[in-house]
PDB file of N, CA and C in Angstrom:
ATOM      1  N   MET A   1    -103.361  -2.861 -34.386  1.00  0.00           N
ATOM      2  CA  MET A   1    -102.335  -2.148 -35.045  1.00  0.00           C
ATOM      3  C   MET A   1    -101.069  -3.130 -34.138  1.00  0.00           C
ATOM      4  N   VAL A   2    -100.093  -3.131 -35.430  1.00  0.00           N
ATOM      5  CA  VAL A   2     -98.619  -3.532 -35.222  1.00  0.00           C
ATOM      6  C   VAL A   2     -97.882  -2.735 -34.581  1.00  0.00           C
ATOM      7  N   ASN A   3     -96.958  -2.757 -33.518  1.00  0.00           N
ATOM      8  CA  ASN A   3     -96.127  -1.976 -33.380  1.00  0.00           C
ATOM      9  C   ASN A   3     -94.794  -1.926 -34.139  1.00  0.00           C
ATOM     10  N   ARG A   4     -94.501  -0.874 -34.523  1.00  0.00           N
ATOM     11  CA  ARG A   4     -93.760  -0.738 -35.551  1.00  0.00           C
ATOM     12  C   ARG A   4     -92.454   0.048 -34.929  1.00  0.00           C
ATOM     13  N   PRO A   5     -91.336  -0.634 -34.474  1.00  0.00           N
ATOM     14  CA  PRO A   5     -90.303   0.292 -33.815  1.00  0.00           C
ATOM     15  C   PRO A   5     -89.877   0.823 -34.711  1.00  0.00           C
ATOM     16  N   LYS A   6     -88.869   2.235 -34.857  1.00  0.00           N
ATOM     17  CA  LYS A   6     -87.977   2.909 -35.462  1.00  0.00           C
ATOM     18  C   LYS A   6     -87.386   2.220 -36.575  1.00  0.00           C
ATOM     19  N   VAL A   7     -87.105   2.058 -37.421  1.00  0.00           N
ATOM     20  CA  VAL A   7     -86.095   1.425 -37.852  1.00  0.00           C
ATOM     21  C   VAL A   7     -84.614   2.663 -38.350  1.00  0.00           C
ATOM     22  N   LYS A   8     -83.234   1.576 -38.216  1.00  0.00           N
ATOM     23  CA  LYS A   8     -82.306   2.871 -38.524  1.00  0.00           C
ATOM     24  C   LYS A   8     -82.119   2.974 -39.681  1.00  0.00           C
ATOM     25  N   HIS A   9     -81.207   4.502 -39.504  1.00  0.00           N
ATOM     26  CA  HIS A   9     -81.009   5.032 -41.173  1.00  0.00           C
ATOM     27  C   HIS A   9     -79.316   4.928 -40.755  1.00  0.00           C
ATOM     28  N   ASP A  10     -78.627   4.236 -40.510  1.00  0.00           N
ATOM     29  CA  ASP A  10     -77.065   4.397 -40.301  1.00  0.00           C
ATOM     30  C   ASP A  10     -75.971   4.024 -41.532  1.00  0.00           C
ATOM     31  N   ALA A  11     -75.469   4.226 -41.584  1.00  0.00           N
ATOM     32  CA  ALA A  11     -73.947   4.207 -42.379  1.00  0.00           C
ATOM     33  C   ALA A  11     -73.958   3.117 -43.401  1.00  0.00           C
ATOM     34  N   LEU A  12     -74.369   2.189 -42.601  1.00  0.00           N
ATOM     35  CA  LEU A  12     -74.280   0.438 -43.044  1.00  0.00           C
ATOM     36  C   LEU A  12     -75.152   0.139 -43.810  1.00  0.00           C
ATOM     37  N   ASN A  13     -76.644   0.693 -43.306  1.00  0.00           N
ATOM     38  CA  ASN A  13     -77.963   0.242 -44.310  1.00  0.00           C
ATOM     39  C   ASN A  13     -77.405   1.108 -45.244  1.00  0.00           C
ATOM     40  N   CYS A  14     -77.192   2.693 -45.290  1.00  0.00           N
ATOM     41  CA  CYS A  14     -77.111   3.452 -46.462  1.00  0.00           C
ATOM     42  C   CYS A  14     -76.062   2.745 -47.463  1.00  0.00           C
ATOM     43  N   LEU A  15     -74.900   2.355 -47.198  1.00  0.00           N
ATOM     44  CA  LEU A  15     -74.323   1.276 -47.804  1.00  0.00           C
ATOM     45  C   LEU A  15     -74.232   0.417 -48.445  1.00  0.00           C
ATOM     46  N   LEU A  16     -75.501  -0.385 -47.762  1.00  0.00           N
ATOM     47  CA  LEU A  16     -75.523  -1.766 -48.698  1.00  0.00           C
ATOM     48  C   LEU A  16     -76.692  -1.185 -49.589  1.00  0.00           C
ATOM     49  N   ARG A  17     -77.456  -0.303 -49.302  1.00  0.00           N
ATOM     50  CA  ARG A  17     -78.698  -0.027 -50.324  1.00  0.00           C
ATOM     51  C   ARG A  17     -77.991   0.700 -51.629  1.00  0.00           C
ATOM     52  N   ASP A  18     -77.087   1.631 -51.481  1.00  0.00           N
ATOM     53  CA  ASP A  18     -76.269   2.140 -52.432  1.00  0.00           C
ATOM     54  C   ASP A  18     -75.288   1.373 -53.284  1.00  0.00           C
ATOM     55  N   GLU A  19     -74.584   0.323 -52.771  1.00  0.00           N
ATOM     56  CA  GLU A  19     -74.022  -0.733 -53.157  1.00  0.00           C
ATOM     57  C   GLU A  19     -74.875  -1.869 -54.183  1.00  0.00           C
ATOM     58  N   VAL A  20     -75.998  -2.055 -53.692  1.00  0.00           N
ATOM     59  CA  VAL A  20     -76.734  -3.034 -54.078  1.00  0.00           C
ATOM     60  C   VAL A  20     -77.373  -2.188 -55.624  1.00  0.00           C
ATOM     61  N   ASN A  21     -77.514  -1.061 -55.550  1.00  0.00           N
ATOM     62  CA  ASN A  21     -78.501  -0.075 -56.700  1.00  0.00           C
ATOM     63  C   ASN A  21     -77.101   0.207 -57.570  1.00  0.00           C
ATOM     64  N   LYS A  22     -75.562   0.450 -57.042  1.00  0.00           N
ATOM     65  CA  LYS A  22     -74.760   0.673 -58.269  1.00  0.00           C
ATOM     66  C   LYS A  22     -74.384  -0.577 -58.961  1.00  0.00           C
ATOM     67  N   GLN A  23     -74.561  -2.203 -58.478  1.00  0.00           N
ATOM     68  CA  GLN A  23     -74.334  -3.176 -58.818  1.00  0.00           C
ATOM     69  C   GLN A  23     -75.748  -3.305 -59.867  1.00  0.00           C
ATOM     70  N   LEU A  24     -76.764  -2.830 -59.896  1.00  0.00           N
ATOM     71  CA  LEU A  24     -77.796  -3.289 -60.322  1.00  0.00           C
ATOM     72  C   LEU A  24     -77.942  -2.474 -61.682  1.00  0.00           C
ATOM     73  N   ALA A  25     -77.278  -1.010 -61.818  1.00  0.00           N
ATOM     74  CA  ALA A  25     -76.964  -0.306 -62.780  1.00  0.00           C
ATOM     75  C   ALA A  25     -75.856  -0.831 -63.656  1.00  0.00           C
ATOM     76  N   HIS A  26     -75.196  -1.910 -63.481  1.00  0.00           N
ATOM     77  CA  HIS A  26     -73.558  -2.422 -64.226  1.00  0.00           C
ATOM     78  C   HIS A  26     -74.723  -3.712 -64.520  1.00  0.00           C
ATOM     79  N   GLY A  27     -75.895  -4.087 -64.597  1.00  0.00           N
ATOM     80  CA  GLY A  27     -76.122  -5.510 -64.604  1.00  0.00           C
ATOM     81  C   GLY A  27     -76.063  -6.800 -63.958  1.00  0.00           C
ATOM     82  N   VAL A  28     -75.673  -6.506 -62.694  1.00  0.00           N
ATOM     83  CA  VAL A  28     -75.581  -7.336 -61.791  1.00  0.00           C
ATOM     84  C   VAL A  28     -76.825  -7.447 -60.749  1.00  0.00           C
ATOM     85  N   LYS A  29     -77.296  -8.819 -61.019  1.00  0.00           N
ATOM     86  CA  LYS A  29     -78.207  -9.027 -59.953  1.00  0.00           C
ATOM     87  C   LYS A  29     -77.973 -10.247 -58.789  1.00  0.00           C
ATOM     88  N   PRO A  30     -78.019  -9.613 -57.989  1.00  0.00           N
ATOM     89  CA  PRO A  30     -77.514 -10.685 -56.482  1.00  0.00           C
ATOM     90  C   PRO A  30     -78.832 -11.290 -56.168  1.00  0.00           C
ATOM     91  N   ASP A  31     -78.527 -12.334 -55.627  1.00  0.00           N
ATOM     92  CA  ASP A  31     -79.119 -13.474 -55.265  1.00  0.00           C
ATOM     93  C   ASP A  31     -79.828 -13.002 -53.829  1.00  0.00           C
ATOM     94  N   PHE A  32     -80.700 -12.770 -53.754  1.00  0.00           N
ATOM     95  CA  PHE A  32     -81.360 -12.185 -52.215  1.00  0.00           C
ATOM     96  C   PHE A  32     -82.146 -13.552 -51.407  1.00  0.00           C
ATOM     97  N   SER A  33     -82.410 -14.693 -52.105  1.00  0.00           N
ATOM     98  CA  SER A  33     -83.001 -15.427 -51.431  1.00  0.00           C
ATOM     99  C   SER A  33     -82.853 -15.759 -50.038  1.00  0.00           C
ATOM    100  N   ALA A  34     -83.577 -16.585 -49.085  1.00  0.00           N
ATOM    101  CA  ALA A  34     -83.062 -16.576 -47.931  1.00  0.00           C
ATOM    102  C   ALA A  34     -82.443 -15.504 -47.085  1.00  0.00           C
ATOM    103  N   ILE A  35     -82.379 -14.452 -47.053  1.00  0.00           N
ATOM    104  CA  ILE A  35     -81.484 -13.615 -46.507  1.00  0.00           C
ATOM    105  C   ILE A  35     -82.197 -12.729 -45.316  1.00  0.00           C
ATOM    106  N   ASP A  36     -82.082 -12.513 -44.317  1.00  0.00           N
ATOM    107  CA  ASP A  36     -82.082 -11.451 -43.074  1.00  0.00           C
ATOM    108  C   ASP A  36     -82.182 -10.267 -43.439  1.00  0.00           C
ATOM    109  N   PHE A  37     -83.165  -9.600 -43.719  1.00  0.00           N
ATOM    110  CA  PHE A  37     -83.358  -8.410 -43.878  1.00  0.00           C
ATOM    111  C   PHE A  37     -83.701  -7.248 -42.691  1.00  0.00           C
ATOM    112  N   ARG A  38     -83.875  -8.034 -41.467  1.00  0.00           N
ATOM    113  CA  ARG A  38     -84.594  -7.525 -40.462  1.00  0.00           C
ATOM    114  C   ARG A  38     -84.127  -6.153 -39.943  1.00  0.00           C
ATOM    115  N   ALA A  39     -85.006  -5.131 -40.016  1.00  0.00           N
ATOM    116  CA  ALA A  39     -84.936  -3.975 -39.388  1.00  0.00           C
ATOM    117  C   ALA A  39     -83.579  -3.108 -40.322  1.00  0.00           C
ATOM    118  N   LEU A  40     -83.451  -3.208 -41.879  1.00  0.00           N
ATOM    119  CA  LEU A  40     -82.843  -2.496 -42.083  1.00  0.00           C
ATOM    120  C   LEU A  40     -83.823  -1.532 -43.283  1.00  0.00           C
ATOM    121  N   HIS A  41     -83.052  -0.507 -43.351  1.00  0.00           N
ATOM    122  CA  HIS A  41     -83.681   0.504 -44.007  1.00  0.00           C
ATOM    123  C   HIS A  41     -83.208   0.467 -45.788  1.00  0.00           C
ATOM    124  N   LEU A  42     -84.408   0.006 -46.155  1.00  0.00           N
ATOM    125  CA  LEU A  42     -84.061  -0.711 -47.869  1.00  0.00           C
ATOM    126  C   LEU A  42     -84.656   0.491 -48.598  1.00  0.00           C
ATOM    127  N   GLN A  43     -85.725   1.547 -48.448  1.00  0.00           N
ATOM    128  CA  GLN A  43     -86.176   2.315 -49.171  1.00  0.00           C
ATOM    129  C   GLN A  43     -85.370   3.052 -49.902  1.00  0.00           C
ATOM    130  N   GLY A  44     -86.023   3.249 -51.789  1.00  0.00           N
ATOM    131  CA  GLY A  44     -85.028   3.569 -52.437  1.00  0.00           C
ATOM    132  C   GLY A  44     -84.339   2.507 -52.859  1.00  0.00           C
ATOM    133  N   LEU A  45     -83.999   1.351 -52.390  1.00  0.00           N
ATOM    134  CA  LEU A  45     -83.564   0.243 -53.287  1.00  0.00           C
ATOM    135  C   LEU A  45     -84.378  -0.063 -54.456  1.00  0.00           C
ATOM    136  N   ILE A  46     -83.660  -0.446 -55.603  1.00  0.00           N
ATOM    137  CA  ILE A  46     -84.284  -0.754 -56.802  1.00  0.00           C
ATOM    138  C   ILE A  46     -83.914  -2.440 -57.047  1.00  0.00           C
ATOM    139  N   VAL A  47     -85.078  -3.264 -57.308  1.00  0.00           N
ATOM    140  CA  VAL A  47     -85.025  -4.424 -56.871  1.00  0.00           C
ATOM    141  C   VAL A  47     -85.416  -5.165 -58.254  1.00  0.00           C
ATOM    142  N   ASP A  48     -85.501  -4.739 -59.298  1.00  0.00           N
ATOM    143  CA  ASP A  48     -86.096  -5.178 -60.607  1.00  0.00           C
ATOM    144  C   ASP A  48     -85.645  -6.793 -60.818  1.00  0.00           C
ATOM    145  N   GLY A  49     -86.220  -7.691 -60.905  1.00  0.00           N
ATOM    146  CA  GLY A  49     -86.181  -9.358 -61.136  1.00  0.00           C
ATOM    147  C   GLY A  49     -85.436  -9.864 -59.929  1.00  0.00           C
ATOM    148  N   ILE A  50     -85.311  -9.411 -59.008  1.00  0.00           N
ATOM    149  CA  ILE A  50     -84.289  -9.789 -57.836  1.00  0.00           C
ATOM    150  C   ILE A  50     -84.984 -11.009 -57.203  1.00  0.00           C
ATOM    151  N   ASP A  51     -84.488 -12.001 -57.055  1.00  0.00           N
ATOM    152  CA  ASP A  51     -84.768 -13.222 -55.887  1.00  0.00           C
ATOM    153  C   ASP A  51     -85.061 -13.064 -54.507  1.00  0.00           C
ATOM    154  N   PHE A  52     -85.965 -12.863 -54.315  1.00  0.00           N
ATOM    155  CA  PHE A  52     -86.459 -12.694 -52.419  1.00  0.00           C
ATOM    156  C   PHE A  52     -86.792 -13.626 -52.064  1.00  0.00           C
ATOM    157  N   SER A  53     -87.207 -14.845 -52.531  1.00  0.00           N
ATOM    158  CA  SER A  53     -87.594 -15.740 -51.892  1.00  0.00           C
ATOM    159  C   SER A  53     -87.286 -16.252 -50.932  1.00  0.00           C
ATOM    160  N   ASN A  54     -88.075 -16.801 -49.397  1.00  0.00           N
ATOM    161  CA  ASN A  54     -87.668 -17.178 -48.324  1.00  0.00           C
ATOM    162  C   ASN A  54     -87.157 -16.373 -47.437  1.00  0.00           C
ATOM    163  N   SER A  55     -87.028 -15.117 -48.027  1.00  0.00           N
ATOM    164  CA  SER A  55     -86.676 -14.276 -47.165  1.00  0.00           C
ATOM    165  C   SER A  55     -86.956 -13.228 -46.107  1.00  0.00           C
ATOM    166  N   TYR A  56     -86.601 -12.612 -45.328  1.00  0.00           N
ATOM    167  CA  TYR A  56     -87.278 -12.211 -43.855  1.00  0.00           C
ATOM    168  C   TYR A  56     -87.014 -10.715 -43.904  1.00  0.00           C
ATOM    169  N   PHE A  57     -88.191  -9.986 -43.859  1.00  0.00           N
ATOM    170  CA  PHE A  57     -88.110  -8.630 -43.896  1.00  0.00           C
ATOM    171  C   PHE A  57     -88.523  -7.810 -42.474  1.00  0.00           C
ATOM    172  N   ARG A  58     -88.516  -8.424 -41.139  1.00  0.00           N
ATOM    173  CA  ARG A  58     -88.966  -8.198 -39.857  1.00  0.00           C
ATOM    174  C   ARG A  58     -88.855  -6.490 -39.828  1.00  0.00           C
ATOM    175  N   MET A  59     -89.748  -5.887 -39.697  1.00  0.00           N
ATOM    176  CA  MET A  59     -90.057  -4.314 -39.070  1.00  0.00           C
ATOM    177  C   MET A  59     -88.416  -3.674 -40.305  1.00  0.00           C
ATOM    178  N   ALA A  60     -88.216  -4.376 -40.879  1.00  0.00           N
ATOM    179  CA  ALA A  60     -87.388  -3.428 -42.707  1.00  0.00           C
ATOM    180  C   ALA A  60     -88.299  -2.243 -43.135  1.00  0.00           C
ATOM    181  N   ASP A  61     -87.326  -1.167 -43.462  1.00  0.00           N
ATOM    182  CA  ASP A  61     -88.189  -0.400 -44.038  1.00  0.00           C
ATOM    183  C   ASP A  61     -88.424  -0.117 -45.285  1.00  0.00           C
ATOM    184  N   ILE A  62     -89.238  -0.707 -46.060  1.00  0.00           N
ATOM    185  CA  ILE A  62     -89.338  -1.142 -47.413  1.00  0.00           C
ATOM    186  C   ILE A  62     -90.206  -0.093 -48.189  1.00  0.00           C
ATOM    187  N   ARG A  63     -90.865   0.923 -47.915  1.00  0.00           N
ATOM    188  CA  ARG A  63     -91.593   1.941 -48.289  1.00  0.00           C
ATOM    189  C   ARG A  63     -91.312   2.026 -49.571  1.00  0.00           C
ATOM    190  N   GLY A  64     -92.270   2.158 -50.661  1.00  0.00           N
ATOM    191  CA  GLY A  64     -92.037   2.661 -52.347  1.00  0.00           C
ATOM    192  C   GLY A  64     -91.240   1.723 -52.772  1.00  0.00           C
ATOM    193  N   ILE A  65     -90.610   0.781 -52.349  1.00  0.00           N
ATOM    194  CA  ILE A  65     -90.018  -0.332 -53.557  1.00  0.00           C
ATOM    195  C   ILE A  65     -91.400  -1.103 -54.483  1.00  0.00           C
ATOM    196  N   ASP A  66     -90.700  -1.285 -56.017  1.00  0.00           N
ATOM    197  CA  ASP A  66     -91.494  -1.779 -56.974  1.00  0.00           C
ATOM    198  C   ASP A  66     -90.783  -3.126 -56.707  1.00  0.00           C
ATOM    199  N   PHE A  67     -91.495  -4.307 -56.066  1.00  0.00           N
ATOM    200  CA  PHE A  67     -91.282  -6.086 -56.069  1.00  0.00           C
ATOM    201  C   PHE A  67     -92.098  -6.247 -57.114  1.00  0.00           C
ATOM    202  N   SER A  68     -92.449  -5.682 -58.213  1.00  0.00           N
ATOM    203  CA  SER A  68     -93.422  -6.324 -58.878  1.00  0.00           C
ATOM    204  C   SER A  68     -92.851  -7.228 -60.145  1.00  0.00           C
ATOM    205  N   THR A  69     -91.766  -7.460 -60.221  1.00  0.00           N
ATOM    206  CA  THR A  69     -91.251  -8.110 -61.103  1.00  0.00           C
ATOM    207  C   THR A  69     -90.135  -9.203 -60.249  1.00  0.00           C
ATOM    208  N   CYS A  70     -90.318  -9.046 -58.878  1.00  0.00           N
ATOM    209  CA  CYS A  70     -89.559  -9.619 -57.673  1.00  0.00           C
ATOM    210  C   CYS A  70     -90.188 -11.268 -57.635  1.00  0.00           C
ATOM    211  N   ASN A  71     -89.433 -12.574 -57.203  1.00  0.00           N
ATOM    212  CA  ASN A  71     -89.766 -13.433 -56.775  1.00  0.00           C
ATOM    213  C   ASN A  71     -90.099 -13.093 -55.092  1.00  0.00           C
ATOM    214  N   LEU A  72     -91.107 -13.204 -54.463  1.00  0.00           N
ATOM    215  CA  LEU A  72     -91.301 -13.150 -52.976  1.00  0.00           C
ATOM    216  C   LEU A  72     -91.973 -14.434 -52.838  1.00  0.00           C
ATOM    217  N   GLU A  73     -91.608 -15.379 -52.925  1.00  0.00           N
ATOM    218  CA  GLU A  73     -92.422 -16.682 -52.551  1.00  0.00           C
ATOM    219  C   GLU A  73     -91.865 -16.795 -51.122  1.00  0.00           C
ATOM    220  N   GLY A  74     -92.725 -17.358 -50.201  1.00  0.00           N
ATOM    221  CA  GLY A  74     -92.248 -17.698 -48.787  1.00  0.00           C
ATOM    222  C   GLY A  74     -91.521 -16.504 -48.072  1.00  0.00           C
ATOM    223  N   ALA A  75     -91.490 -15.309 -48.687  1.00  0.00           N
ATOM    224  CA  ALA A  75     -91.087 -14.442 -47.730  1.00  0.00           C
ATOM    225  C   ALA A  75     -91.787 -13.921 -46.582  1.00  0.00           C
ATOM    226  N   SER A  76     -91.210 -13.568 -45.714  1.00  0.00           N
ATOM    227  CA  SER A  76     -92.131 -12.638 -44.600  1.00  0.00           C
ATOM    228  C   SER A  76     -92.136 -11.056 -44.333  1.00  0.00           C
ATOM    229  N   LEU A  77     -93.441 -10.702 -44.243  1.00  0.00           N
ATOM    230  CA  LEU A  77     -93.099  -9.223 -43.906  1.00  0.00           C
ATOM    231  C   LEU A  77     -93.631  -8.525 -42.788  1.00  0.00           C
ATOM    232  N   HIS A  78     -93.120  -9.439 -41.914  1.00  0.00           N
ATOM    233  CA  HIS A  78     -93.755  -9.462 -40.213  1.00  0.00           C
ATOM    234  C   HIS A  78     -93.485  -7.671 -39.942  1.00  0.00           C
ATOM    235  N   ALA A  79     -94.434  -7.106 -39.462  1.00  0.00           N
ATOM    236  CA  ALA A  79     -94.554  -5.743 -38.766  1.00  0.00           C
ATOM    237  C   ALA A  79     -94.060  -4.885 -39.995  1.00  0.00           C
ATOM    238  N   VAL A  80     -93.825  -4.698 -41.213  1.00  0.00           N
ATOM    239  CA  VAL A  80     -93.019  -4.140 -42.230  1.00  0.00           C
ATOM    240  C   VAL A  80     -94.539  -2.779 -42.434  1.00  0.00           C
ATOM    241  N   SER A  81     -93.769  -1.828 -43.373  1.00  0.00           N
ATOM    242  CA  SER A  81     -94.366  -0.616 -43.510  1.00  0.00           C
ATOM    243  C   SER A  81     -94.281  -0.913 -45.045  1.00  0.00           C
ATOM    244  N   ILE A  82     -95.727  -1.211 -45.721  1.00  0.00           N
ATOM    245  CA  ILE A  82     -95.543  -1.644 -47.105  1.00  0.00           C
ATOM    246  C   ILE A  82     -96.479  -0.319 -47.945  1.00  0.00           C
ATOM    247  N   SER A  83     -96.316   0.876 -47.172  1.00  0.00           N
ATOM    248  CA  SER A  83     -96.943   1.904 -48.161  1.00  0.00           C
ATOM    249  C   SER A  83     -95.859   2.452 -49.730  1.00  0.00           C
ATOM    250  N   GLY A  84     -96.784   2.365 -50.660  1.00  0.00           N
ATOM    251  CA  GLY A  84     -96.460   2.562 -51.659  1.00  0.00           C
ATOM    252  C   GLY A  84     -95.415   1.695 -52.584  1.00  0.00           C
ATOM    253  N   CYS A  85     -95.613   0.487 -51.874  1.00  0.00           N
ATOM    254  CA  CYS A  85     -94.991  -0.587 -52.478  1.00  0.00           C
ATOM    255  C   CYS A  85     -95.814  -1.077 -53.574  1.00  0.00           C
ATOM    256  N   TYR A  86     -95.214  -2.066 -54.698  1.00  0.00           N
ATOM    257  CA  TYR A  86     -95.820  -2.390 -55.913  1.00  0.00           C
ATOM    258  C   TYR A  86     -95.640  -4.044 -55.539  1.00  0.00           C
ATOM    259  N   PHE A  87     -96.360  -5.065 -55.574  1.00  0.00           N
ATOM    260  CA  PHE A  87     -96.332  -6.381 -55.275  1.00  0.00           C
ATOM    261  C   PHE A  87     -96.389  -6.897 -56.721  1.00  0.00           C
ATOM    262  N   PRO A  88     -95.489  -8.503 -56.857  1.00  0.00           N
ATOM    263  CA  PRO A  88     -96.255  -9.209 -58.348  1.00  0.00           C
ATOM    264  C   PRO A  88     -97.803  -9.568 -58.113  1.00  0.00           C
ATOM    265  N   LYS A  89     -98.462  -9.196 -59.351  1.00  0.00           N
ATOM    266  CA  LYS A  89     -99.939  -9.464 -59.611  1.00  0.00           C
ATOM    267  C   LYS A  89    -100.446 -10.407 -58.948  1.00  0.00           C
ATOM    268  N   SER A  90     -99.602 -11.665 -59.235  1.00  0.00           N
ATOM    269  CA  SER A  90    -100.320 -13.160 -58.818  1.00  0.00           C
ATOM    270  C   SER A  90    -100.134 -13.214 -57.070  1.00  0.00           C
ATOM    271  N   LEU A  91     -99.585 -12.226 -56.516  1.00  0.00           N
ATOM    272  CA  LEU A  91     -99.724 -12.308 -54.965  1.00  0.00           C
ATOM    273  C   LEU A  91    -100.745 -11.742 -54.348  1.00  0.00           C
ATOM    274  N   SER A  92    -101.449 -12.553 -53.705  1.00  0.00           N
ATOM    275  CA  SER A  92    -102.903 -11.789 -53.279  1.00  0.00           C
ATOM    276  C   SER A  92    -102.509 -10.709 -52.064  1.00  0.00           C
ATOM    277  N   ALA A  93    -103.494  -9.929 -51.922  1.00  0.00           N
ATOM    278  CA  ALA A  93    -103.710  -8.815 -50.901  1.00  0.00           C
ATOM    279  C   ALA A  93    -103.890  -9.383 -49.748  1.00  0.00           C
ATOM    280  N   GLU A  94    -104.583 -10.223 -49.447  1.00  0.00           N
ATOM    281  CA  GLU A  94    -104.814 -11.424 -48.580  1.00  0.00           C
ATOM    282  C   GLU A  94    -103.294 -11.927 -47.656  1.00  0.00           C
ATOM    283  N   GLU A  95    -102.719 -12.459 -48.816  1.00  0.00           N
ATOM    284  CA  GLU A  95    -101.393 -13.226 -48.625  1.00  0.00           C
ATOM    285  C   GLU A  95    -100.450 -11.963 -47.903  1.00  0.00           C
ATOM    286  N   ILE A  96    -100.579 -10.759 -48.872  1.00  0.00           N
ATOM    287  CA  ILE A  96     -99.579  -9.899 -48.277  1.00  0.00           C
ATOM    288  C   ILE A  96     -99.931  -9.182 -46.816  1.00  0.00           C
ATOM    289  N   ARG A  97    -101.150  -8.911 -46.422  1.00  0.00           N
ATOM    290  CA  ARG A  97    -101.776  -8.442 -44.747  1.00  0.00           C
ATOM    291  C   ARG A  97    -101.332  -9.787 -43.971  1.00  0.00           C
ATOM    292  N   MET A  98    -101.539 -10.894 -44.518  1.00  0.00           N
ATOM    293  CA  MET A  98    -101.293 -11.904 -43.302  1.00  0.00           C
ATOM    294  C   MET A  98    -100.024 -11.720 -42.857  1.00  0.00           C
ATOM    295  N   SER A  99     -99.037 -12.006 -43.973  1.00  0.00           N
ATOM    296  CA  SER A  99     -97.560 -11.542 -43.659  1.00  0.00           C
ATOM    297  C   SER A  99     -97.338 -10.615 -42.734  1.00  0.00           C
ATOM    298  N   VAL A 100     -97.845  -9.431 -43.223  1.00  0.00           N
ATOM    299  CA  VAL A 100     -97.101  -7.741 -42.413  1.00  0.00           C
ATOM    300  C   VAL A 100     -97.837  -8.600 -40.905  1.00  0.00           C
ATOM    301  N   GLU A 101     -99.283  -8.751 -40.631  1.00  0.00           N
ATOM    302  CA  GLU A 101     -99.639  -8.793 -39.551  1.00  0.00           C
ATOM    303  C   GLU A 101     -99.264  -9.812 -38.759  1.00  0.00           C
ATOM    304  N   PHE A 102     -99.230 -11.214 -39.389  1.00  0.00           N
ATOM    305  CA  PHE A 102     -98.728 -12.576 -38.570  1.00  0.00           C
ATOM    306  C   PHE A 102     -97.040 -12.957 -38.524  1.00  0.00           C
ATOM    307  N   GLY A 103     -96.522 -12.218 -39.643  1.00  0.00           N
ATOM    308  CA  GLY A 103     -95.577 -13.034 -40.212  1.00  0.00           C
ATOM    309  C   GLY A 103     -95.668 -14.491 -41.112  1.00  0.00           C
ATOM    310  N   THR A 104     -96.416 -14.494 -41.411  1.00  0.00           N
ATOM    311  CA  THR A 104     -96.558 -15.519 -42.356  1.00  0.00           C
ATOM    312  C   THR A 104     -95.923 -15.825 -43.575  1.00  0.00           C
ATOM    313  N   ARG A 105     -95.212 -16.830 -43.869  1.00  0.00           N
ATOM    314  CA  ARG A 105     -94.964 -16.530 -45.166  1.00  0.00           C
ATOM    315  C   ARG A 105     -95.744 -16.739 -46.489  1.00  0.00           C
ATOM    316  N   MET A 106     -95.223 -15.617 -47.558  1.00  0.00           N
ATOM    317  CA  MET A 106     -96.481 -15.383 -48.417  1.00  0.00           C
ATOM    318  C   MET A 106     -96.478 -16.474 -49.497  1.00  0.00           C
ATOM    319  N   ARG A 107     -97.309 -16.707 -50.074  1.00  0.00           N
ATOM    320  CA  ARG A 107     -97.329 -17.989 -51.297  1.00  0.00           C
ATOM    321  C   ARG A 107     -98.029 -17.595 -52.606  1.00  0.00           C
ATOM    322  N   TYR A 108     -97.687 -17.958 -53.310  1.00  0.00           N
ATOM    323  CA  TYR A 108     -98.830 -17.317 -54.456  1.00  0.00           C
ATOM    324  C   TYR A 108     -99.591 -18.652 -55.157  1.00  0.00           C
ATOM    325  N   ARG A 109    -100.459 -17.684 -55.739  1.00  0.00           N
ATOM    326  CA  ARG A 109    -101.612 -18.906 -55.804  1.00  0.00           C
ATOM    327  C   ARG A 109    -102.070 -18.974 -57.900  1.00  0.00           C
TER     328      ARG A 109
END
């Protein structure tokens, strides 16, 4: 079992999530490739079609996010709670499990 510290829900985390959701609602898609999201509270983030390739999510709260249309090639989910998440169909459950448990970078097959 992975030790998961409590993720902070501070004002800066909420501002990030709210601002990204507002930009997405206006058709602006940020490039989140190779970004460090370590320990951020991202639950509730709308991520349709966003590029998260090579990003780092260690201990982030991503519960319930629908990543099904996102690029997660090379992203790492070490010690992340993924309950309720959707992932791209081409990303195997084993790749996701290995990334959560050991921090490996996810690869599509």
